[in-house]
Amino acid sequence: WAFGDPATYDPHDDLVAIGADLAPGTLLAAYRRGLFPMPSGSPGDPMY
């Protein structure tokens, strides 16, 4: 998965992506770009 350039994220919204997975490589790629995951709160829904 690719999370894009953080410089292009909405400057008014903390939520910047929906989807992907929680594989180790995905988590590390996210943290290296300044992101972190949280569940949406509904089982089966994509990750925020």
All heavy atoms as atom14 arrays in JSON, in Angstrom:
{
  "sequence": "WAFGDPATYDPHDDLVAIGADLAPGTLLAAYRRGLFPMPSGSPGDPMY",
  "atom14_mask": [
    [1, 1, 1, 1, 1, 1, 1, 1, 1, 1, 1, 1, 1, 1],
    [1, 1, 1, 1, 1, 0, 0, 0, 0, 0, 0, 0, 0, 0],
    [1, 1, 1, 1, 1, 1, 1, 1, 1, 1, 1, 0, 0, 0],
    [1, 1, 1, 1, 0, 0, 0, 0, 0, 0, 0, 0, 0, 0],
    [1, 1, 1, 1, 1, 1, 1, 1, 0, 0, 0, 0, 0, 0],
    [1, 1, 1, 1, 1, 1, 1, 0, 0, 0, 0, 0, 0, 0],
    [1, 1, 1, 1, 1, 0, 0, 0, 0, 0, 0, 0, 0, 0],
    [1, 1, 1, 1, 1, 1, 1, 0, 0, 0, 0, 0, 0, 0],
    [1, 1, 1, 1, 1, 1, 1, 1, 1, 1, 1, 1, 0, 0],
    [1, 1, 1, 1, 1, 1, 1, 1, 0, 0, 0, 0, 0, 0],
    [1, 1, 1, 1, 1, 1, 1, 0, 0, 0, 0, 0, 0, 0],
    [1, 1, 1, 1, 1, 1, 1, 1, 1, 1, 0, 0, 0, 0],
    [1, 1, 1, 1, 1, 1, 1, 1, 0, 0, 0, 0, 0, 0],
    [1, 1, 1, 1, 1, 1, 1, 1, 0, 0, 0, 0, 0, 0],
    [1, 1, 1, 1, 1, 1, 1, 1, 0, 0, 0, 0, 0, 0],
    [1, 1, 1, 1, 1, 1, 1, 0, 0, 0, 0, 0, 0, 0],
    [1, 1, 1, 1, 1, 0, 0, 0, 0, 0, 0, 0, 0, 0],
    [1, 1, 1, 1, 1, 1, 1, 1, 0, 0, 0, 0, 0, 0],
    [1, 1, 1, 1, 0, 0, 0, 0, 0, 0, 0, 0, 0, 0],
    [1, 1, 1, 1, 1, 0, 0, 0, 0, 0, 0, 0, 0, 0],
    [1, 1, 1, 1, 1, 1, 1, 1, 0, 0, 0, 0, 0, 0],
    [1, 1, 1, 1, 1, 1, 1, 1, 0, 0, 0, 0, 0, 0],
    [1, 1, 1, 1, 1, 0, 0, 0, 0, 0, 0, 0, 0, 0],
    [1, 1, 1, 1, 1, 1, 1, 0, 0, 0, 0, 0, 0, 0],
    [1, 1, 1, 1, 0, 0, 0, 0, 0, 0, 0, 0, 0, 0],
    [1, 1, 1, 1, 1, 1, 1, 0, 0, 0, 0, 0, 0, 0],
    [1, 1, 1, 1, 1, 1, 1, 1, 0, 0, 0, 0, 0, 0],
    [1, 1, 1, 1, 1, 1, 1, 1, 0, 0, 0, 0, 0, 0],
    [1, 1, 1, 1, 1, 0, 0, 0, 0, 0, 0, 0, 0, 0],
    [1, 1, 1, 1, 1, 0, 0, 0, 0, 0, 0, 0, 0, 0],
    [1, 1, 1, 1, 1, 1, 1, 1, 1, 1, 1, 1, 0, 0],
    [1, 1, 1, 1, 1, 1, 1, 1, 1, 1, 1, 0, 0, 0],
    [1, 1, 1, 1, 1, 1, 1, 1, 1, 1, 1, 0, 0, 0],
    [1, 1, 1, 1, 0, 0, 0, 0, 0, 0, 0, 0, 0, 0],
    [1, 1, 1, 1, 1, 1, 1, 1, 0, 0, 0, 0, 0, 0],
    [1, 1, 1, 1, 1, 1, 1, 1, 1, 1, 1, 0, 0, 0],
    [1, 1, 1, 1, 1, 1, 1, 0, 0, 0, 0, 0, 0, 0],
    [1, 1, 1, 1, 1, 1, 1, 1, 0, 0, 0, 0, 0, 0],
    [1, 1, 1, 1, 1, 1, 1, 0, 0, 0, 0, 0, 0, 0],
    [1, 1, 1, 1, 1, 1, 0, 0, 0, 0, 0, 0, 0, 0],
    [1, 1, 1, 1, 0, 0, 0, 0, 0, 0, 0, 0, 0, 0],
    [1, 1, 1, 1, 1, 1, 0, 0, 0, 0, 0, 0, 0, 0],
    [1, 1, 1, 1, 1, 1, 1, 0, 0, 0, 0, 0, 0, 0],
    [1, 1, 1, 1, 0, 0, 0, 0, 0, 0, 0, 0, 0, 0],
    [1, 1, 1, 1, 1, 1, 1, 1, 0, 0, 0, 0, 0, 0],
    [1, 1, 1, 1, 1, 1, 1, 0, 0, 0, 0, 0, 0, 0],
    [1, 1, 1, 1, 1, 1, 1, 1, 0, 0, 0, 0, 0, 0],
    [1, 1, 1, 1, 1, 1, 1, 1, 1, 1, 1, 1, 0, 0]
  ],
  "atom14_positions": [
    [[0.84, -1.2, 0.0], [0.0, 0.0, 0.0], [0.87, 1.25, 0.0], [1.96, 1.26, 0.56], [-0.91, 0.03, 1.24], [-1.78, -1.17, 1.35], [-1.51, -2.31, 2.02], [-3.06, -1.36, 0.75], [-2.54, -3.22, 1.9], [-3.51, -2.65, 1.12], [-3.89, -0.57, -0.05], [-4.74, -3.16, 0.71], [-5.11, -1.08, -0.45], [-5.52, -2.36, -0.07]],
    [[0.37, 2.31, -0.62], [1.05, 3.59, -0.64], [0.18, 4.64, 0.03], [-1.02, 4.71, -0.26], [1.36, 4.01, -2.08], [0.0, 0.0, 0.0], [0.0, 0.0, 0.0], [0.0, 0.0, 0.0], [0.0, 0.0, 0.0], [0.0, 0.0, 0.0], [0.0, 0.0, 0.0], [0.0, 0.0, 0.0], [0.0, 0.0, 0.0], [0.0, 0.0, 0.0]],
    [[0.77, 5.43, 0.93], [0.01, 6.42, 1.67], [0.14, 7.83, 1.11], [-0.38, 8.78, 1.69], [0.43, 6.4, 3.14], [-0.04, 5.17, 3.88], [0.78, 4.06, 4.01], [-1.31, 5.12, 4.41], [0.35, 2.92, 4.68], [-1.76, 3.98, 5.09], [-0.93, 2.88, 5.22], [0.0, 0.0, 0.0], [0.0, 0.0, 0.0], [0.0, 0.0, 0.0]],
    [[0.85, 7.99, 0.02], [0.95, 9.3, -0.6], [1.9, 10.23, 0.12], [2.58, 9.87, 1.09], [0.0, 0.0, 0.0], [0.0, 0.0, 0.0], [0.0, 0.0, 0.0], [0.0, 0.0, 0.0], [0.0, 0.0, 0.0], [0.0, 0.0, 0.0], [0.0, 0.0, 0.0], [0.0, 0.0, 0.0], [0.0, 0.0, 0.0], [0.0, 0.0, 0.0]],
    [[1.94, 11.47, -0.33], [2.82, 12.49, 0.22], [2.08, 13.22, 1.34], [1.05, 13.85, 1.1], [3.22, 13.47, -0.89], [4.16, 14.55, -0.39], [4.45, 14.59, 0.82], [4.61, 15.35, -1.23], [0.0, 0.0, 0.0], [0.0, 0.0, 0.0], [0.0, 0.0, 0.0], [0.0, 0.0, 0.0], [0.0, 0.0, 0.0], [0.0, 0.0, 0.0]],
    [[2.6, 13.16, 2.6], [1.91, 13.85, 3.7], [1.7, 15.34, 3.45], [0.77, 15.93, 4.01], [2.84, 13.61, 4.89], [3.57, 12.35, 4.56], [3.76, 12.39, 3.06], [0.0, 0.0, 0.0], [0.0, 0.0, 0.0], [0.0, 0.0, 0.0], [0.0, 0.0, 0.0], [0.0, 0.0, 0.0], [0.0, 0.0, 0.0], [0.0, 0.0, 0.0]],
    [[2.54, 15.94, 2.6], [2.38, 17.37, 2.31], [1.07, 17.66, 1.58], [0.62, 18.81, 1.56], [3.56, 17.88, 1.5], [0.0, 0.0, 0.0], [0.0, 0.0, 0.0], [0.0, 0.0, 0.0], [0.0, 0.0, 0.0], [0.0, 0.0, 0.0], [0.0, 0.0, 0.0], [0.0, 0.0, 0.0], [0.0, 0.0, 0.0], [0.0, 0.0, 0.0]],
    [[0.47, 16.63, 0.98], [-0.77, 16.83, 0.23], [-2.02, 16.5, 1.05], [-3.13, 16.63, 0.55], [-0.78, 15.95, -1.03], [-0.82, 14.56, -0.65], [0.48, 16.19, -1.87], [0.0, 0.0, 0.0], [0.0, 0.0, 0.0], [0.0, 0.0, 0.0], [0.0, 0.0, 0.0], [0.0, 0.0, 0.0], [0.0, 0.0, 0.0], [0.0, 0.0, 0.0]],
    [[-1.85, 16.1, 2.32], [-3.0, 15.75, 3.14], [-3.84, 17.0, 3.44], [-3.31, 18.11, 3.5], [-2.57, 15.11, 4.45], [-1.86, 13.78, 4.33], [-1.06, 13.29, 5.37], [-1.97, 12.99, 3.18], [-0.41, 12.07, 5.28], [-1.32, 11.78, 3.07], [-0.54, 11.32, 4.12], [0.11, 10.12, 4.02], [0.0, 0.0, 0.0], [0.0, 0.0, 0.0]],
    [[-5.13, 16.78, 3.64], [-6.04, 17.87, 3.99], [-5.52, 18.59, 5.24], [-5.37, 17.96, 6.3], [-7.43, 17.3, 4.25], [-8.49, 18.37, 4.46], [-8.14, 19.48, 4.92], [-9.67, 18.09, 4.19], [0.0, 0.0, 0.0], [0.0, 0.0, 0.0], [0.0, 0.0, 0.0], [0.0, 0.0, 0.0], [0.0, 0.0, 0.0], [0.0, 0.0, 0.0]],
    [[-5.25, 19.88, 5.16], [-4.68, 20.59, 6.31], [-5.67, 20.82, 7.44], [-5.28, 21.36, 8.48], [-4.22, 21.92, 5.7], [-5.12, 22.13, 4.53], [-5.39, 20.76, 3.97], [0.0, 0.0, 0.0], [0.0, 0.0, 0.0], [0.0, 0.0, 0.0], [0.0, 0.0, 0.0], [0.0, 0.0, 0.0], [0.0, 0.0, 0.0], [0.0, 0.0, 0.0]],
    [[-6.92, 20.41, 7.26], [-7.93, 20.65, 8.29], [-8.51, 19.35, 8.86], [-9.42, 19.41, 9.69], [-9.07, 21.49, 7.72], [-8.61, 22.77, 7.11], [-8.08, 23.81, 7.84], [-8.6, 23.18, 5.81], [-7.76, 24.8, 7.04], [-8.06, 24.46, 5.8], [0.0, 0.0, 0.0], [0.0, 0.0, 0.0], [0.0, 0.0, 0.0], [0.0, 0.0, 0.0]],
    [[-8.0, 18.2, 8.43], [-8.6, 16.93, 8.82], [-7.53, 15.99, 9.34], [-6.52, 15.74, 8.66], [-9.32, 16.29, 7.63], [-10.28, 15.19, 8.04], [-10.2, 14.72, 9.2], [-11.11, 14.77, 7.2], [0.0, 0.0, 0.0], [0.0, 0.0, 0.0], [0.0, 0.0, 0.0], [0.0, 0.0, 0.0], [0.0, 0.0, 0.0], [0.0, 0.0, 0.0]],
    [[-7.72, 15.44, 10.55], [-6.78, 14.47, 11.12], [-6.83, 13.14, 10.39], [-5.81, 12.43, 10.31], [-7.09, 14.23, 12.59], [-6.8, 15.43, 13.47], [-6.2, 16.41, 12.97], [-7.16, 15.39, 14.67], [0.0, 0.0, 0.0], [0.0, 0.0, 0.0], [0.0, 0.0, 0.0], [0.0, 0.0, 0.0], [0.0, 0.0, 0.0], [0.0, 0.0, 0.0]],
    [[-8.01, 12.77, 9.89], [-8.17, 11.51, 9.17], [-7.68, 11.69, 7.74], [-8.22, 12.51, 6.99], [-9.64, 11.09, 9.18], [-9.99, 9.81, 8.41], [-9.31, 8.6, 9.02], [-11.52, 9.61, 8.38], [0.0, 0.0, 0.0], [0.0, 0.0, 0.0], [0.0, 0.0, 0.0], [0.0, 0.0, 0.0], [0.0, 0.0, 0.0], [0.0, 0.0, 0.0]],
    [[-6.67, 10.9, 7.35], [-6.04, 11.13, 6.04], [-6.15, 9.93, 5.1], [-5.86, 10.06, 3.91], [-4.56, 11.54, 6.2], [-4.44, 12.85, 6.97], [-3.75, 10.45, 6.88], [0.0, 0.0, 0.0], [0.0, 0.0, 0.0], [0.0, 0.0, 0.0], [0.0, 0.0, 0.0], [0.0, 0.0, 0.0], [0.0, 0.0, 0.0], [0.0, 0.0, 0.0]],
    [[-6.54, 8.76, 5.6], [-6.65, 7.6, 4.73], [-7.59, 6.58, 5.35], [-7.75, 6.53, 6.58], [-5.28, 6.96, 4.47], [0.0, 0.0, 0.0], [0.0, 0.0, 0.0], [0.0, 0.0, 0.0], [0.0, 0.0, 0.0], [0.0, 0.0, 0.0], [0.0, 0.0, 0.0], [0.0, 0.0, 0.0], [0.0, 0.0, 0.0], [0.0, 0.0, 0.0]],
    [[-8.2, 5.76, 4.51], [-9.09, 4.67, 4.94], [-8.75, 3.44, 4.13], [-8.63, 3.51, 2.9], [-10.58, 5.04, 4.74], [-10.94, 6.29, 5.54], [-11.48, 3.88, 5.14], [-12.35, 6.8, 5.28], [0.0, 0.0, 0.0], [0.0, 0.0, 0.0], [0.0, 0.0, 0.0], [0.0, 0.0, 0.0], [0.0, 0.0, 0.0], [0.0, 0.0, 0.0]],
    [[-8.59, 2.3, 4.83], [-8.33, 1.06, 4.12], [-7.0, 0.44, 4.49], [-6.56, 0.5, 5.63], [0.0, 0.0, 0.0], [0.0, 0.0, 0.0], [0.0, 0.0, 0.0], [0.0, 0.0, 0.0], [0.0, 0.0, 0.0], [0.0, 0.0, 0.0], [0.0, 0.0, 0.0], [0.0, 0.0, 0.0], [0.0, 0.0, 0.0], [0.0, 0.0, 0.0]],
    [[-6.34, -0.19, 3.52], [-5.06, -0.87, 3.68], [-5.19, -2.05, 4.63], [-6.28, -2.61, 4.8], [-3.98, 0.11, 4.14], [0.0, 0.0, 0.0], [0.0, 0.0, 0.0], [0.0, 0.0, 0.0], [0.0, 0.0, 0.0], [0.0, 0.0, 0.0], [0.0, 0.0, 0.0], [0.0, 0.0, 0.0], [0.0, 0.0, 0.0], [0.0, 0.0, 0.0]],
    [[-4.08, -2.47, 5.24], [-4.07, -3.6, 6.16], [-3.16, -3.27, 7.32], [-2.63, -2.16, 7.42], [-3.63, -4.89, 5.44], [-2.25, -4.77, 4.8], [-1.36, -4.11, 5.4], [-2.04, -5.33, 3.71], [0.0, 0.0, 0.0], [0.0, 0.0, 0.0], [0.0, 0.0, 0.0], [0.0, 0.0, 0.0], [0.0, 0.0, 0.0], [0.0, 0.0, 0.0]],
    [[-2.99, -4.24, 8.22], [-2.16, -4.04, 9.4], [-0.93, -4.93, 9.38], [-0.38, -5.26, 10.43], [-2.97, -4.29, 10.67], [-4.09, -3.28, 10.96], [-4.91, -3.72, 12.16], [-3.51, -1.88, 11.2], [0.0, 0.0, 0.0], [0.0, 0.0, 0.0], [0.0, 0.0, 0.0], [0.0, 0.0, 0.0], [0.0, 0.0, 0.0], [0.0, 0.0, 0.0]],
    [[-0.47, -5.32, 8.2], [0.76, -6.08, 8.08], [1.93, -5.26, 8.62], [1.89, -4.02, 8.58], [1.0, -6.46, 6.63], [0.0, 0.0, 0.0], [0.0, 0.0, 0.0], [0.0, 0.0, 0.0], [0.0, 0.0, 0.0], [0.0, 0.0, 0.0], [0.0, 0.0, 0.0], [0.0, 0.0, 0.0], [0.0, 0.0, 0.0], [0.0, 0.0, 0.0]],
    [[2.98, -5.9, 9.11], [4.11, -5.15, 9.67], [4.68, -4.1, 8.72], [4.96, -2.97, 9.13], [5.14, -6.24, 9.99], [4.32, -7.45, 10.25], [3.17, -7.36, 9.3], [0.0, 0.0, 0.0], [0.0, 0.0, 0.0], [0.0, 0.0, 0.0], [0.0, 0.0, 0.0], [0.0, 0.0, 0.0], [0.0, 0.0, 0.0], [0.0, 0.0, 0.0]],
    [[4.85, -4.46, 7.45], [5.39, -3.5, 6.49], [4.49, -2.3, 6.3], [4.97, -1.16, 6.12], [0.0, 0.0, 0.0], [0.0, 0.0, 0.0], [0.0, 0.0, 0.0], [0.0, 0.0, 0.0], [0.0, 0.0, 0.0], [0.0, 0.0, 0.0], [0.0, 0.0, 0.0], [0.0, 0.0, 0.0], [0.0, 0.0, 0.0], [0.0, 0.0, 0.0]],
    [[3.18, -2.52, 6.36], [2.23, -1.42, 6.22], [2.29, -0.49, 7.42], [2.31, 0.74, 7.28], [0.81, -1.96, 6.04], [0.76, -2.79, 4.88], [-0.19, -0.83, 5.89], [0.0, 0.0, 0.0], [0.0, 0.0, 0.0], [0.0, 0.0, 0.0], [0.0, 0.0, 0.0], [0.0, 0.0, 0.0], [0.0, 0.0, 0.0], [0.0, 0.0, 0.0]],
    [[2.32, -1.07, 8.62], [2.4, -0.24, 9.83], [3.68, 0.59, 9.84], [3.65, 1.79, 10.14], [2.34, -1.13, 11.06], [0.95, -1.68, 11.42], [1.05, -2.75, 12.49], [0.02, -0.57, 11.87], [0.0, 0.0, 0.0], [0.0, 0.0, 0.0], [0.0, 0.0, 0.0], [0.0, 0.0, 0.0], [0.0, 0.0, 0.0], [0.0, 0.0, 0.0]],
    [[4.81, -0.02, 9.52], [6.06, 0.72, 9.54], [6.07, 1.82, 8.49], [6.55, 2.94, 8.74], [7.24, -0.23, 9.34], [7.47, -1.25, 10.46], [8.65, -2.14, 10.11], [7.69, -0.57, 11.8], [0.0, 0.0, 0.0], [0.0, 0.0, 0.0], [0.0, 0.0, 0.0], [0.0, 0.0, 0.0], [0.0, 0.0, 0.0], [0.0, 0.0, 0.0]],
    [[5.53, 1.52, 7.3], [5.45, 2.55, 6.26], [4.59, 3.71, 6.72], [4.91, 4.89, 6.46], [4.88, 1.94, 4.97], [0.0, 0.0, 0.0], [0.0, 0.0, 0.0], [0.0, 0.0, 0.0], [0.0, 0.0, 0.0], [0.0, 0.0, 0.0], [0.0, 0.0, 0.0], [0.0, 0.0, 0.0], [0.0, 0.0, 0.0], [0.0, 0.0, 0.0]],
    [[3.51, 3.42, 7.42], [2.62, 4.48, 7.91], [3.34, 5.35, 8.95], [3.32, 6.59, 8.87], [1.36, 3.87, 8.5], [0.0, 0.0, 0.0], [0.0, 0.0, 0.0], [0.0, 0.0, 0.0], [0.0, 0.0, 0.0], [0.0, 0.0, 0.0], [0.0, 0.0, 0.0], [0.0, 0.0, 0.0], [0.0, 0.0, 0.0], [0.0, 0.0, 0.0]],
    [[3.95, 4.72, 9.95], [4.64, 5.5, 10.98], [5.75, 6.35, 10.38], [5.99, 7.48, 10.82], [5.22, 4.57, 12.05], [4.19, 4.06, 13.02], [3.75, 2.74, 13.0], [3.64, 4.91, 13.99], [2.81, 2.28, 13.89], [2.7, 4.46, 14.89], [2.29, 3.14, 14.83], [1.34, 2.69, 15.73], [0.0, 0.0, 0.0], [0.0, 0.0, 0.0]],
    [[6.43, 5.82, 9.39], [7.52, 6.58, 8.75], [6.99, 7.79, 7.98], [7.76, 8.7, 7.66], [8.32, 5.65, 7.84], [9.23, 4.69, 8.61], [9.78, 3.59, 7.75], [10.77, 2.8, 8.48], [11.02, 1.51, 8.27], [10.35, 0.85, 7.32], [11.94, 0.89, 8.98], [0.0, 0.0, 0.0], [0.0, 0.0, 0.0], [0.0, 0.0, 0.0]],
    [[5.71, 7.82, 7.69], [5.1, 8.97, 7.02], [4.27, 9.82, 7.98], [3.6, 10.76, 7.55], [4.23, 8.5, 5.85], [5.06, 8.04, 4.66], [4.19, 7.8, 3.44], [5.0, 7.52, 2.27], [5.46, 8.42, 1.42], [5.18, 9.69, 1.62], [6.18, 8.08, 0.38], [0.0, 0.0, 0.0], [0.0, 0.0, 0.0], [0.0, 0.0, 0.0]],
    [[4.3, 9.45, 9.25], [3.6, 10.26, 10.23], [2.19, 9.81, 10.52], [1.44, 10.54, 11.17], [0.0, 0.0, 0.0], [0.0, 0.0, 0.0], [0.0, 0.0, 0.0], [0.0, 0.0, 0.0], [0.0, 0.0, 0.0], [0.0, 0.0, 0.0], [0.0, 0.0, 0.0], [0.0, 0.0, 0.0], [0.0, 0.0, 0.0], [0.0, 0.0, 0.0]],
    [[1.78, 8.63, 10.05], [0.43, 8.13, 10.25], [0.4, 7.06, 11.34], [1.42, 6.42, 11.63], [-0.13, 7.53, 8.96], [-0.59, 8.46, 7.85], [0.6, 9.16, 7.19], [-1.37, 7.68, 6.79], [0.0, 0.0, 0.0], [0.0, 0.0, 0.0], [0.0, 0.0, 0.0], [0.0, 0.0, 0.0], [0.0, 0.0, 0.0], [0.0, 0.0, 0.0]],
    [[-0.78, 6.83, 11.88], [-1.02, 5.71, 12.78], [-2.46, 5.23, 12.58], [-3.32, 6.01, 12.17], [-0.77, 6.1, 14.25], [-1.58, 7.26, 14.73], [-2.87, 7.09, 15.22], [-1.06, 8.55, 14.68], [-3.62, 8.17, 15.67], [-1.8, 9.64, 15.12], [-3.08, 9.45, 15.62], [0.0, 0.0, 0.0], [0.0, 0.0, 0.0], [0.0, 0.0, 0.0]],
    [[-2.73, 3.95, 12.86], [-4.06, 3.4, 12.6], [-4.96, 3.42, 13.82], [-4.49, 3.4, 14.96], [-3.75, 1.96, 12.22], [-2.59, 1.61, 13.1], [-1.77, 2.89, 13.22], [0.0, 0.0, 0.0], [0.0, 0.0, 0.0], [0.0, 0.0, 0.0], [0.0, 0.0, 0.0], [0.0, 0.0, 0.0], [0.0, 0.0, 0.0], [0.0, 0.0, 0.0]],
    [[-6.26, 3.46, 13.59], [-7.25, 3.22, 14.62], [-8.47, 2.58, 13.97], [-8.82, 2.94, 12.84], [-7.67, 4.51, 15.32], [-6.58, 5.16, 16.13], [-7.2, 6.51, 17.19], [-7.95, 5.56, 18.51], [0.0, 0.0, 0.0], [0.0, 0.0, 0.0], [0.0, 0.0, 0.0], [0.0, 0.0, 0.0], [0.0, 0.0, 0.0], [0.0, 0.0, 0.0]],
    [[-9.09, 1.62, 14.65], [-10.31, 1.02, 14.08], [-11.42, 2.06, 13.94], [-11.49, 3.03, 14.7], [-10.69, -0.05, 15.11], [-9.46, -0.27, 15.93], [-8.73, 1.03, 15.93], [0.0, 0.0, 0.0], [0.0, 0.0, 0.0], [0.0, 0.0, 0.0], [0.0, 0.0, 0.0], [0.0, 0.0, 0.0], [0.0, 0.0, 0.0], [0.0, 0.0, 0.0]],
    [[-12.29, 1.83, 12.98], [-13.41, 2.75, 12.76], [-14.45, 2.64, 13.86], [-15.25, 3.55, 14.06], [-14.08, 2.44, 11.41], [-14.71, 1.17, 11.47], [0.0, 0.0, 0.0], [0.0, 0.0, 0.0], [0.0, 0.0, 0.0], [0.0, 0.0, 0.0], [0.0, 0.0, 0.0], [0.0, 0.0, 0.0], [0.0, 0.0, 0.0], [0.0, 0.0, 0.0]],
    [[-14.44, 1.53, 14.57], [-15.42, 1.3, 15.62], [-16.5, 0.32, 15.24], [-17.28, -0.11, 16.08], [0.0, 0.0, 0.0], [0.0, 0.0, 0.0], [0.0, 0.0, 0.0], [0.0, 0.0, 0.0], [0.0, 0.0, 0.0], [0.0, 0.0, 0.0], [0.0, 0.0, 0.0], [0.0, 0.0, 0.0], [0.0, 0.0, 0.0], [0.0, 0.0, 0.0]],
    [[-16.54, -0.06, 13.96], [-17.52, -1.04, 13.49], [-16.79, -2.26, 12.94], [-15.97, -2.12, 12.03], [-18.39, -0.43, 12.38], [-19.08, 0.71, 12.85], [0.0, 0.0, 0.0], [0.0, 0.0, 0.0], [0.0, 0.0, 0.0], [0.0, 0.0, 0.0], [0.0, 0.0, 0.0], [0.0, 0.0, 0.0], [0.0, 0.0, 0.0], [0.0, 0.0, 0.0]],
    [[-17.04, -3.45, 13.51], [-16.35, -4.65, 13.05], [-16.51, -4.85, 11.55], [-17.6, -4.7, 10.99], [-17.03, -5.78, 13.84], [-17.56, -5.11, 15.07], [-17.97, -3.74, 14.62], [0.0, 0.0, 0.0], [0.0, 0.0, 0.0], [0.0, 0.0, 0.0], [0.0, 0.0, 0.0], [0.0, 0.0, 0.0], [0.0, 0.0, 0.0], [0.0, 0.0, 0.0]],
    [[-15.4, -5.17, 10.89], [-15.43, -5.43, 9.46], [-15.23, -4.21, 8.6], [-15.01, -4.34, 7.39], [0.0, 0.0, 0.0], [0.0, 0.0, 0.0], [0.0, 0.0, 0.0], [0.0, 0.0, 0.0], [0.0, 0.0, 0.0], [0.0, 0.0, 0.0], [0.0, 0.0, 0.0], [0.0, 0.0, 0.0], [0.0, 0.0, 0.0], [0.0, 0.0, 0.0]],
    [[-15.3, -3.01, 9.19], [-15.08, -1.8, 8.42], [-13.59, -1.58, 8.17], [-12.75, -2.07, 8.94], [-15.66, -0.58, 9.15], [-17.16, -0.45, 8.96], [-17.73, -1.32, 8.26], [-17.75, 0.49, 9.5], [0.0, 0.0, 0.0], [0.0, 0.0, 0.0], [0.0, 0.0, 0.0], [0.0, 0.0, 0.0], [0.0, 0.0, 0.0], [0.0, 0.0, 0.0]],
    [[-13.23, -0.82, 7.14], [-11.82, -0.57, 6.86], [-11.15, 0.2, 7.99], [-11.8, 0.91, 8.77], [-11.85, 0.28, 5.57], [-13.19, 0.03, 4.98], [-14.11, -0.23, 6.12], [0.0, 0.0, 0.0], [0.0, 0.0, 0.0], [0.0, 0.0, 0.0], [0.0, 0.0, 0.0], [0.0, 0.0, 0.0], [0.0, 0.0, 0.0], [0.0, 0.0, 0.0]],
    [[-9.82, 0.06, 8.08], [-9.04, 0.76, 9.09], [-8.96, 2.25, 8.75], [-8.93, 2.63, 7.59], [-7.63, 0.16, 9.15], [-6.8, 0.6, 10.34], [-7.52, 0.16, 11.95], [-7.69, -1.63, 11.77], [0.0, 0.0, 0.0], [0.0, 0.0, 0.0], [0.0, 0.0, 0.0], [0.0, 0.0, 0.0], [0.0, 0.0, 0.0], [0.0, 0.0, 0.0]],
    [[-8.95, 3.09, 9.8], [-8.74, 4.52, 9.64], [-7.27, 4.84, 9.94], [-6.67, 4.25, 10.83], [-9.61, 5.31, 10.62], [-11.08, 5.38, 10.26], [-11.98, 6.05, 11.1], [-11.59, 4.79, 9.11], [-13.33, 6.13, 10.8], [-12.94, 4.87, 8.8], [-13.81, 5.54, 9.64], [-15.15, 5.61, 9.33], [0.0, 0.0, 0.0], [0.0, 0.0, 0.0]]
  ]
}
